């Protein structure tokens, strides 16, 4: 008859969270554990895109359609807006033909 394996159960405190690891079958730790050094490879981190233009650059802003109502004209980059993790890179620009500042996507700007 094969030897019986005992199951060790760690007692828990009443009304509290379990602080110790969950119980395991004694003698099975060596069989289930992967060999040392064969851990999963590190997860790759996506690189943050960088702005193509710099503060002070003189650029050409493409005109907008019916919903944007933006005139095609020259503009100056006032600041680079931080990347939010999705979408286009944004710039704060001042157009030569308008008296106010706009936030424009990088795709709408050109040299």
C-alpha atoms as a PDB file:
ATOM      1  CA  UNK A   1       0.000   0.000   0.000  1.00  0.00           C
ATOM      2  CA  UNK A   2       1.454   3.454  -0.962  1.00  0.00           C
ATOM      3  CA  UNK A   3       2.236   5.941   1.767  1.00  0.00           C
ATOM      4  CA  UNK A   4      -0.439   8.564   2.365  1.00  0.00           C
ATOM      5  CA  UNK A   5       0.461  12.199   1.882  1.00  0.00           C
ATOM      6  CA  UNK A   6      -0.673  14.610   4.541  1.00  0.00           C
ATOM      7  CA  UNK A   7      -2.252  17.956   3.786  1.00  0.00           C
ATOM      8  CA  UNK A   8      -1.008  20.732   6.043  1.00  0.00           C
ATOM      9  CA  UNK A   9      -3.607  23.440   6.648  1.00  0.00           C
ATOM     10  CA  UNK A  10      -2.495  26.670   8.237  1.00  0.00           C
ATOM     11  CA  UNK A  11      -5.046  27.974  10.744  1.00  0.00           C
ATOM     12  CA  UNK A  12      -6.437  31.439  10.130  1.00  0.00           C
ATOM     13  CA  UNK A  13      -7.505  34.138  12.553  1.00  0.00           C
ATOM     14  CA  UNK A  14     -11.203  34.710  12.918  1.00  0.00           C
ATOM     15  CA  UNK A  15     -12.438  37.865  11.223  1.00  0.00           C
ATOM     16  CA  UNK A  16      -9.156  38.610   9.433  1.00  0.00           C
ATOM     17  CA  UNK A  17      -7.590  38.074   6.067  1.00  0.00           C
ATOM     18  CA  UNK A  18      -5.340  35.112   5.502  1.00  0.00           C
ATOM     19  CA  UNK A  19      -1.733  36.241   5.929  1.00  0.00           C
ATOM     20  CA  UNK A  20       0.014  32.948   5.144  1.00  0.00           C
ATOM     21  CA  UNK A  21       0.206  31.252   1.739  1.00  0.00           C
ATOM     22  CA  UNK A  22      -2.455  28.765   0.816  1.00  0.00           C
ATOM     23  CA  UNK A  23      -1.934  25.165   1.957  1.00  0.00           C
ATOM     24  CA  UNK A  24      -0.095  22.724  -0.276  1.00  0.00           C
ATOM     25  CA  UNK A  25       0.236  18.977  -0.402  1.00  0.00           C
ATOM     26  CA  UNK A  26       3.475  18.032   1.363  1.00  0.00           C
ATOM     27  CA  UNK A  27       5.992  16.407  -0.923  1.00  0.00           C
ATOM     28  CA  UNK A  28       4.371  17.854  -4.082  1.00  0.00           C
ATOM     29  CA  UNK A  29       6.217  21.197  -4.002  1.00  0.00           C
ATOM     30  CA  UNK A  30       9.289  19.753  -5.684  1.00  0.00           C
ATOM     31  CA  UNK A  31       7.323  18.159  -8.523  1.00  0.00           C
ATOM     32  CA  UNK A  32       5.086  21.157  -9.370  1.00  0.00           C
ATOM     33  CA  UNK A  33       7.700  23.922  -9.129  1.00  0.00           C
ATOM     34  CA  UNK A  34       9.467  24.881 -12.367  1.00  0.00           C
ATOM     35  CA  UNK A  35      13.248  24.519 -12.412  1.00  0.00           C
ATOM     36  CA  UNK A  36      15.168  27.524 -11.113  1.00  0.00           C
ATOM     37  CA  UNK A  37      15.897  30.175 -13.748  1.00  0.00           C
ATOM     38  CA  UNK A  38      13.049  29.274 -16.113  1.00  0.00           C
ATOM     39  CA  UNK A  39      10.844  32.205 -15.166  1.00  0.00           C
ATOM     40  CA  UNK A  40       8.674  33.950 -17.736  1.00  0.00           C
ATOM     41  CA  UNK A  41      10.529  36.553 -19.810  1.00  0.00           C
ATOM     42  CA  UNK A  42       9.989  40.186 -18.878  1.00  0.00           C
ATOM     43  CA  UNK A  43       7.037  41.921 -20.514  1.00  0.00           C
ATOM     44  CA  UNK A  44       7.962  44.433 -23.198  1.00  0.00           C
ATOM     45  CA  UNK A  45       7.107  48.034 -22.511  1.00  0.00           C
ATOM     46  CA  UNK A  46       5.774  50.052 -25.438  1.00  0.00           C
ATOM     47  CA  UNK A  47       7.860  53.102 -26.178  1.00  0.00           C
ATOM     48  CA  UNK A  48       6.196  56.469 -25.929  1.00  0.00           C
ATOM     49  CA  UNK A  49       6.062  58.278 -29.297  1.00  0.00           C
ATOM     50  CA  UNK A  50       8.030  61.504 -29.572  1.00  0.00           C
ATOM     51  CA  UNK A  51       6.931  64.818 -31.048  1.00  0.00           C
ATOM     52  CA  UNK A  52       8.206  65.528 -34.552  1.00  0.00           C
ATOM     53  CA  UNK A  53       8.197  69.335 -34.189  1.00  0.00           C
ATOM     54  CA  UNK A  54       9.664  71.563 -31.477  1.00  0.00           C
ATOM     55  CA  UNK A  55       8.500  74.707 -29.679  1.00  0.00           C
ATOM     56  CA  UNK A  56       9.037  77.762 -31.868  1.00  0.00           C
ATOM     57  CA  UNK A  57       8.874  75.916 -35.215  1.00  0.00           C
ATOM     58  CA  UNK A  58       7.060  77.700 -38.058  1.00  0.00           C
ATOM     59  CA  UNK A  59       4.717  75.204 -39.755  1.00  0.00           C
ATOM     60  CA  UNK A  60       1.829  75.021 -42.210  1.00  0.00           C
ATOM     61  CA  UNK A  61      -1.540  74.078 -40.661  1.00  0.00           C
ATOM     62  CA  UNK A  62      -3.893  72.132 -42.939  1.00  0.00           C
ATOM     63  CA  UNK A  63      -7.404  73.555 -43.249  1.00  0.00           C
ATOM     64  CA  UNK A  64     -10.307  71.742 -41.646  1.00  0.00           C
ATOM     65  CA  UNK A  65     -13.594  70.508 -43.083  1.00  0.00           C
ATOM     66  CA  UNK A  66     -17.145  71.424 -42.148  1.00  0.00           C
ATOM     67  CA  UNK A  67     -16.942  70.385 -38.478  1.00  0.00           C
ATOM     68  CA  UNK A  68     -13.540  71.934 -37.675  1.00  0.00           C
ATOM     69  CA  UNK A  69     -13.778  75.266 -39.558  1.00  0.00           C
ATOM     70  CA  UNK A  70     -10.029  75.869 -39.638  1.00  0.00           C
ATOM     71  CA  UNK A  71      -8.333  77.967 -42.287  1.00  0.00           C
ATOM     72  CA  UNK A  72      -5.153  76.653 -43.874  1.00  0.00           C
ATOM     73  CA  UNK A  73      -2.356  79.001 -42.863  1.00  0.00           C
ATOM     74  CA  UNK A  74       1.056  79.301 -41.310  1.00  0.00           C
ATOM     75  CA  UNK A  75       1.380  78.805 -37.565  1.00  0.00           C
ATOM     76  CA  UNK A  76       3.909  78.747 -34.748  1.00  0.00           C
ATOM     77  CA  UNK A  77       4.212  75.913 -32.193  1.00  0.00           C
ATOM     78  CA  UNK A  78       3.722  77.319 -28.687  1.00  0.00           C
ATOM     79  CA  UNK A  79       3.914  74.099 -26.647  1.00  0.00           C
ATOM     80  CA  UNK A  80       4.002  70.311 -26.892  1.00  0.00           C
ATOM     81  CA  UNK A  81       1.126  68.596 -25.110  1.00  0.00           C
ATOM     82  CA  UNK A  82       1.880  65.368 -23.219  1.00  0.00           C
ATOM     83  CA  UNK A  83       0.980  62.030 -24.809  1.00  0.00           C
ATOM     84  CA  UNK A  84      -2.112  60.488 -23.179  1.00  0.00           C
ATOM     85  CA  UNK A  85      -1.367  56.882 -24.119  1.00  0.00           C
ATOM     86  CA  UNK A  86      -3.639  56.780 -27.165  1.00  0.00           C
ATOM     87  CA  UNK A  87      -4.483  58.927 -30.164  1.00  0.00           C
ATOM     88  CA  UNK A  88      -2.359  61.509 -31.935  1.00  0.00           C
ATOM     89  CA  UNK A  89       0.379  63.708 -30.542  1.00  0.00           C
ATOM     90  CA  UNK A  90      -1.016  67.192 -29.907  1.00  0.00           C
ATOM     91  CA  UNK A  91       0.442  70.701 -30.181  1.00  0.00           C
ATOM     92  CA  UNK A  92      -0.725  74.128 -29.024  1.00  0.00           C
ATOM     93  CA  UNK A  93      -0.288  76.498 -31.972  1.00  0.00           C
ATOM     94  CA  UNK A  94      -1.050  80.118 -32.864  1.00  0.00           C
ATOM     95  CA  UNK A  95      -2.147  80.699 -36.435  1.00  0.00           C
ATOM     96  CA  UNK A  96      -1.025  83.742 -38.443  1.00  0.00           C
ATOM     97  CA  UNK A  97      -4.606  84.351 -39.594  1.00  0.00           C
ATOM     98  CA  UNK A  98      -6.418  83.856 -36.240  1.00  0.00           C
ATOM     99  CA  UNK A  99      -6.270  85.810 -32.985  1.00  0.00           C
ATOM    100  CA  UNK A 100      -6.437  82.754 -30.688  1.00  0.00           C
ATOM    101  CA  UNK A 101      -4.558  79.514 -29.984  1.00  0.00           C
ATOM    102  CA  UNK A 102      -5.604  76.046 -31.116  1.00  0.00           C
ATOM    103  CA  UNK A 103      -4.791  72.473 -30.150  1.00  0.00           C
ATOM    104  CA  UNK A 104      -3.879  70.618 -33.323  1.00  0.00           C
ATOM    105  CA  UNK A 105      -2.932  66.982 -34.035  1.00  0.00           C
ATOM    106  CA  UNK A 106       0.479  66.280 -35.523  1.00  0.00           C
ATOM    107  CA  UNK A 107      -1.120  64.891 -38.705  1.00  0.00           C
ATOM    108  CA  UNK A 108      -2.613  68.350 -39.443  1.00  0.00           C
ATOM    109  CA  UNK A 109       0.782  70.074 -39.393  1.00  0.00           C
ATOM    110  CA  UNK A 110       3.527  70.106 -42.001  1.00  0.00           C
ATOM    111  CA  UNK A 111       6.692  71.938 -42.976  1.00  0.00           C
END
